[in-house]
Amino acid sequence: MADSRIYLIAFVLTAGPGALMVATMLSSRFRVLSKLRLNSIYTVATLLIATTGLIEAGPVALLRPESTWLGAAAGVAAAPILGYLAVLADGKLTERFRRRSREQSTTAQATGTSRRASSGLTPLRVMPAGAARQLGVQRRQAAPRVPSSRISVSSQPRQQALLWLVLVAVGEELLYRGVFLGWAMLFPPLLAGFFLALGTAVFGLIHISFGWSQVVAKLPLAIIGVATTLAFGTPLCAVLVHVYFNVYYWRKRRFSALSAAATPWSA
């Protein structure tokens, strides 16, 4: 039995990144699949892996024996509040990374200017911030659109993008907070805690294509998913929190002036 658990844990830990790698390979090699974009391929692969894991793990992945329907109902009621907290945490962390990046860029520019001045070279003229932003907007508008392999909500109709966002939320939560957590909890507490921390880190690393800032920004969502699954005995709350999270950003970009830009989804 222990060997079977170890095998399934290793399977789940590699399933998410593996599905993303398979999606990347297929979309780059087959023209027909490239039209589906990574989000479609990755979502289908994740759902298939999660379904296979649920069949193997059994009912414990969806509802632990000690849990009650009352606890599950409480998790459903708490999902909107917890989803909003996940959105707040994600936004705060993302903005913090952006601010730090801007500060580092400004410091590097100032350092380069001072070095040129001390060496006797003519300092470069610095364009005002407002003019620089306007020039950047004009260049982006004039530049030809290049097909991107990154996950994007602008490349699909809005309703279709929403469907994929909901499906990927369900698939990832069933995989990481359902199958993986259910089997990890069968180990002694110390080892179970190690596996849960490892699974949370892997969930964050799945978002590495969006940059390291998004790896860190997605950790609160993963932590809330683990905590609610442990508290309520079912991943149902985690699924709803993730769905709320994705739908929130879908609506935000729908009414944003930047919605026409090729912006990666926040799954």
Protein backbone atom coordinates (compact mmCIF):
# COMPACT_ATOMS: atom_id res chain seq x y z
CA MET A 1 0.00 0.00 0.00
CA ALA A 2 2.83 2.41 0.88
CA ASP A 3 4.45 1.81 -2.51
CA SER A 4 1.14 2.59 -4.21
CA ARG A 5 0.84 5.86 -2.27
CA ILE A 6 4.37 6.95 -3.12
CA TYR A 7 3.74 6.17 -6.77
CA LEU A 8 0.53 8.22 -6.84
CA ILE A 9 2.14 11.16 -5.02
CA ALA A 10 5.01 11.21 -7.52
CA PHE A 11 2.45 10.96 -10.32
CA VAL A 12 0.44 13.95 -9.08
CA LEU A 13 3.50 16.10 -8.40
CA THR A 14 4.63 15.66 -11.99
CA ALA A 15 1.16 15.64 -13.55
CA GLY A 16 0.58 19.41 -13.65
CA PRO A 17 3.99 20.44 -15.02
CA GLY A 18 3.91 17.39 -17.28
CA ALA A 19 0.56 18.39 -18.74
CA LEU A 20 1.89 21.90 -19.38
CA MET A 21 4.98 20.51 -21.13
CA VAL A 22 2.87 18.15 -23.24
CA ALA A 23 0.56 21.02 -24.17
CA THR A 24 3.54 23.14 -25.21
CA MET A 25 5.01 20.34 -27.34
CA LEU A 26 1.73 19.46 -29.07
CA SER A 27 0.74 23.05 -29.79
CA SER A 28 4.16 23.77 -31.30
CA ARG A 29 4.33 20.65 -33.49
CA PHE A 30 0.79 20.31 -34.80
CA ARG A 31 -0.82 23.21 -36.61
CA VAL A 32 -4.35 22.05 -35.80
CA LEU A 33 -3.62 21.87 -32.08
CA SER A 34 -1.79 25.20 -32.11
CA LYS A 35 -5.09 26.88 -32.91
CA LEU A 36 -6.49 25.60 -29.61
CA ARG A 37 -3.79 27.41 -27.62
CA LEU A 38 -2.10 26.08 -24.51
CA ASN A 39 -5.04 26.76 -22.23
CA SER A 40 -7.29 24.30 -24.05
CA ILE A 41 -4.69 21.50 -24.26
CA TYR A 42 -3.47 22.00 -20.71
CA THR A 43 -7.00 22.07 -19.29
CA VAL A 44 -8.05 18.87 -21.04
CA ALA A 45 -4.84 17.12 -19.97
CA THR A 46 -5.28 18.24 -16.35
CA LEU A 47 -8.90 17.07 -16.23
CA LEU A 48 -7.94 13.66 -17.64
CA ILE A 49 -5.09 13.27 -15.13
CA ALA A 50 -7.36 14.37 -12.26
CA THR A 51 -10.07 11.92 -13.31
CA THR A 52 -7.55 9.06 -13.47
CA GLY A 53 -6.27 10.00 -10.02
CA LEU A 54 -9.79 10.17 -8.57
CA ILE A 55 -10.55 6.69 -9.86
CA GLU A 56 -7.33 5.38 -8.33
CA ALA A 57 -7.61 7.22 -5.01
CA GLY A 58 -11.29 6.50 -4.47
CA PRO A 59 -13.87 8.46 -2.43
CA VAL A 60 -11.23 9.67 0.05
CA ALA A 61 -10.12 12.21 -2.54
CA LEU A 62 -13.53 13.92 -2.53
CA LEU A 63 -14.83 13.39 0.99
CA ARG A 64 -12.77 12.12 3.89
CA PRO A 65 -14.50 9.65 6.24
CA GLU A 66 -14.38 12.00 9.23
CA SER A 67 -15.95 14.92 7.34
CA THR A 68 -19.66 15.77 7.35
CA TRP A 69 -22.09 17.26 4.90
CA LEU A 70 -22.51 20.18 7.29
CA GLY A 71 -18.80 20.90 6.99
CA ALA A 72 -19.03 20.72 3.21
CA ALA A 73 -21.95 23.18 3.25
CA ALA A 74 -19.94 25.54 5.47
CA GLY A 75 -17.10 25.39 2.97
CA VAL A 76 -19.47 26.32 0.13
CA ALA A 77 -20.76 29.29 2.15
CA ALA A 78 -17.23 30.49 2.94
CA ALA A 79 -15.93 30.14 -0.63
CA PRO A 80 -16.82 33.66 -1.89
CA ILE A 81 -15.12 35.35 1.09
CA LEU A 82 -12.03 33.15 0.82
CA GLY A 83 -11.93 33.67 -2.94
CA TYR A 84 -11.92 37.43 -2.46
CA LEU A 85 -9.09 37.11 0.08
CA ALA A 86 -7.12 35.09 -2.47
CA VAL A 87 -7.69 37.84 -5.05
CA LEU A 88 -6.51 40.51 -2.60
CA ALA A 89 -3.37 38.56 -1.69
CA ASP A 90 -2.56 37.88 -5.35
CA GLY A 91 -3.01 41.54 -6.25
CA LYS A 92 -0.89 42.80 -3.35
CA LEU A 93 1.98 40.44 -4.15
CA THR A 94 1.84 41.21 -7.88
CA GLU A 95 1.86 44.96 -7.24
CA ARG A 96 4.74 44.60 -4.81
CA PHE A 97 6.83 42.80 -7.41
CA ARG A 98 5.95 45.43 -10.02
CA ARG A 99 6.95 48.25 -7.68
CA ARG A 100 10.25 46.55 -6.89
CA SER A 101 10.93 46.01 -10.59
CA ARG A 102 10.26 49.68 -11.33
CA GLU A 103 12.53 50.75 -8.47
CA GLN A 104 15.34 48.51 -9.70
CA SER A 105 14.91 49.84 -13.23
CA THR A 106 15.04 53.44 -12.00
CA THR A 107 18.12 52.72 -9.87
CA ALA A 108 19.91 51.04 -12.78
CA GLN A 109 19.10 53.97 -15.06
CA ALA A 110 20.36 56.50 -12.51
CA THR A 111 23.55 54.48 -11.96
CA GLY A 112 24.23 54.32 -15.67
CA THR A 113 23.71 58.08 -16.03
CA SER A 114 26.09 58.87 -13.16
CA ARG A 115 28.75 56.57 -14.61
CA ARG A 116 28.55 58.25 -18.01
CA ALA A 117 28.80 61.67 -16.36
CA SER A 118 31.84 60.69 -14.29
CA SER A 119 33.58 59.27 -17.36
CA GLY A 120 33.17 62.53 -19.25
CA LEU A 121 30.69 61.13 -21.74
CA THR A 122 27.64 63.13 -22.72
CA PRO A 123 24.72 61.86 -20.62
CA LEU A 124 21.79 60.47 -22.49
CA ARG A 125 18.62 62.52 -22.56
CA VAL A 126 15.93 61.01 -20.35
CA MET A 127 12.46 61.11 -21.75
CA PRO A 128 9.72 62.24 -19.30
CA ALA A 129 7.68 59.40 -17.86
CA GLY A 130 4.42 60.56 -19.46
CA ALA A 131 5.98 60.86 -22.90
CA ALA A 132 7.66 57.47 -22.52
CA ARG A 133 4.36 55.81 -21.68
CA GLN A 134 2.65 57.49 -24.63
CA LEU A 135 5.45 56.40 -26.95
CA GLY A 136 5.20 52.85 -25.64
CA VAL A 137 1.45 52.78 -26.30
CA GLN A 138 1.96 54.09 -29.83
CA ARG A 139 4.63 51.48 -30.55
CA ARG A 140 2.47 48.65 -29.25
CA GLN A 141 -0.44 49.81 -31.38
CA ALA A 142 1.72 50.11 -34.50
CA ALA A 143 3.61 46.85 -33.99
CA PRO A 144 2.26 43.82 -35.87
CA ARG A 145 0.66 41.19 -33.72
CA VAL A 146 2.81 38.08 -33.40
CA PRO A 147 1.05 34.81 -32.50
CA SER A 148 2.00 33.92 -28.95
CA SER A 149 2.30 30.47 -27.42
CA ARG A 150 1.48 31.87 -23.98
CA ILE A 151 -1.93 31.33 -22.47
CA SER A 152 -4.09 34.27 -23.48
CA VAL A 153 -7.71 35.25 -22.97
CA SER A 154 -7.67 37.76 -25.84
CA SER A 155 -7.16 35.08 -28.49
CA GLN A 156 -10.55 33.53 -27.85
CA PRO A 157 -14.14 34.73 -27.50
CA ARG A 158 -14.88 35.95 -24.00
CA GLN A 159 -17.36 33.18 -23.21
CA GLN A 160 -14.99 30.47 -24.42
CA ALA A 161 -12.20 31.92 -22.29
CA LEU A 162 -14.48 31.84 -19.26
CA LEU A 163 -15.29 28.17 -19.86
CA TRP A 164 -11.60 27.21 -19.97
CA LEU A 165 -10.88 29.28 -16.85
CA VAL A 166 -13.58 27.45 -14.91
CA LEU A 167 -12.52 24.03 -16.18
CA VAL A 168 -8.84 24.55 -15.38
CA ALA A 169 -9.77 25.68 -11.86
CA VAL A 170 -11.81 22.51 -11.33
CA GLY A 171 -9.10 20.27 -12.80
CA GLU A 172 -6.21 21.73 -10.80
CA GLU A 173 -8.08 21.69 -7.50
CA LEU A 174 -9.29 18.11 -7.95
CA LEU A 175 -5.74 17.11 -8.82
CA TYR A 176 -3.81 18.94 -6.09
CA ARG A 177 -6.34 19.38 -3.29
CA GLY A 178 -8.35 16.25 -4.06
CA VAL A 179 -6.18 13.38 -5.27
CA PHE A 180 -2.81 14.54 -3.96
CA LEU A 181 -3.95 15.84 -0.56
CA GLY A 182 -6.20 12.84 0.08
CA TRP A 183 -3.31 10.41 -0.41
CA ALA A 184 -0.72 12.59 1.36
CA MET A 185 -2.86 12.62 4.51
CA LEU A 186 -2.54 8.82 4.78
CA PHE A 187 1.10 9.27 5.80
CA PRO A 188 2.35 10.15 9.30
CA PRO A 189 1.84 13.87 10.16
CA LEU A 190 5.43 14.99 9.57
CA LEU A 191 5.70 13.30 6.18
CA ALA A 192 2.20 14.44 5.23
CA GLY A 193 3.16 18.05 6.01
CA PHE A 194 6.25 17.74 3.83
CA PHE A 195 4.21 16.43 0.90
CA LEU A 196 1.61 19.17 1.29
CA ALA A 197 4.29 21.88 1.30
CA LEU A 198 5.90 20.28 -1.76
CA GLY A 199 2.58 20.10 -3.58
CA THR A 200 1.89 23.77 -2.80
CA ALA A 201 5.29 24.74 -4.23
CA VAL A 202 4.69 22.70 -7.39
CA PHE A 203 1.30 24.40 -7.86
CA GLY A 204 3.06 27.76 -7.75
CA LEU A 205 5.78 26.62 -10.15
CA ILE A 206 3.17 25.70 -12.76
CA HIS A 207 2.75 29.46 -13.27
CA ILE A 208 6.46 30.02 -14.00
CA SER A 209 5.66 30.90 -17.63
CA PHE A 210 4.16 34.15 -16.28
CA GLY A 211 7.32 34.98 -14.33
CA TRP A 212 8.60 34.33 -10.81
CA SER A 213 6.31 37.00 -9.42
CA GLN A 214 3.28 34.91 -10.36
CA VAL A 215 4.80 31.79 -8.82
CA VAL A 216 4.85 33.61 -5.48
CA ALA A 217 1.53 35.40 -6.07
CA LYS A 218 -0.32 32.09 -6.59
CA LEU A 219 0.91 30.59 -3.30
CA PRO A 220 -1.88 32.20 -1.20
CA LEU A 221 -4.47 30.57 -3.48
CA ALA A 222 -2.77 27.20 -2.99
CA ILE A 223 -2.51 27.66 0.79
CA ILE A 224 -6.20 28.57 1.04
CA GLY A 225 -7.04 25.46 -1.01
CA VAL A 226 -5.04 23.19 1.29
CA ALA A 227 -6.39 24.82 4.46
CA THR A 228 -10.05 24.61 3.40
CA THR A 229 -9.72 21.01 2.25
CA LEU A 230 -8.22 20.04 5.60
CA ALA A 231 -10.80 22.07 7.55
CA PHE A 232 -13.93 20.94 5.69
CA GLY A 233 -12.79 17.47 4.64
CA THR A 234 -13.52 18.03 0.95
CA PRO A 235 -11.90 19.93 -1.95
CA LEU A 236 -15.29 21.42 -2.90
CA CYS A 237 -14.54 24.73 -1.17
CA ALA A 238 -11.10 24.90 -2.81
CA VAL A 239 -12.70 24.33 -6.22
CA LEU A 240 -15.20 27.15 -5.66
CA VAL A 241 -12.49 29.50 -4.36
CA HIS A 242 -10.37 28.88 -7.47
CA VAL A 243 -13.38 29.32 -9.76
CA TYR A 244 -14.21 32.61 -8.00
CA PHE A 245 -10.57 33.69 -8.41
CA ASN A 246 -10.49 33.01 -12.14
CA VAL A 247 -13.93 34.50 -12.82
CA TYR A 248 -12.98 37.64 -10.89
CA TYR A 249 -9.98 38.27 -13.14
CA TRP A 250 -12.00 37.37 -16.21
CA ARG A 251 -14.59 40.04 -15.33
CA LYS A 252 -11.89 42.54 -14.39
CA ARG A 253 -10.19 42.20 -17.76
CA ARG A 254 -13.55 42.26 -19.53
CA PHE A 255 -14.24 45.80 -18.33
CA SER A 256 -10.63 46.96 -18.49
CA ALA A 257 -9.22 49.13 -21.24
CA LEU A 258 -6.31 46.70 -21.42
CA SER A 259 -8.54 43.73 -22.24
CA ALA A 260 -7.63 43.97 -25.91
CA ALA A 261 -3.97 43.32 -25.14
CA ALA A 262 -2.54 39.78 -25.17
CA THR A 263 -2.67 39.20 -21.45
CA PRO A 264 -2.09 35.75 -19.91
CA TRP A 265 -4.95 34.38 -17.87
CA SER A 266 -4.65 34.10 -14.12
CA ALA A 267 -5.33 30.46 -13.42
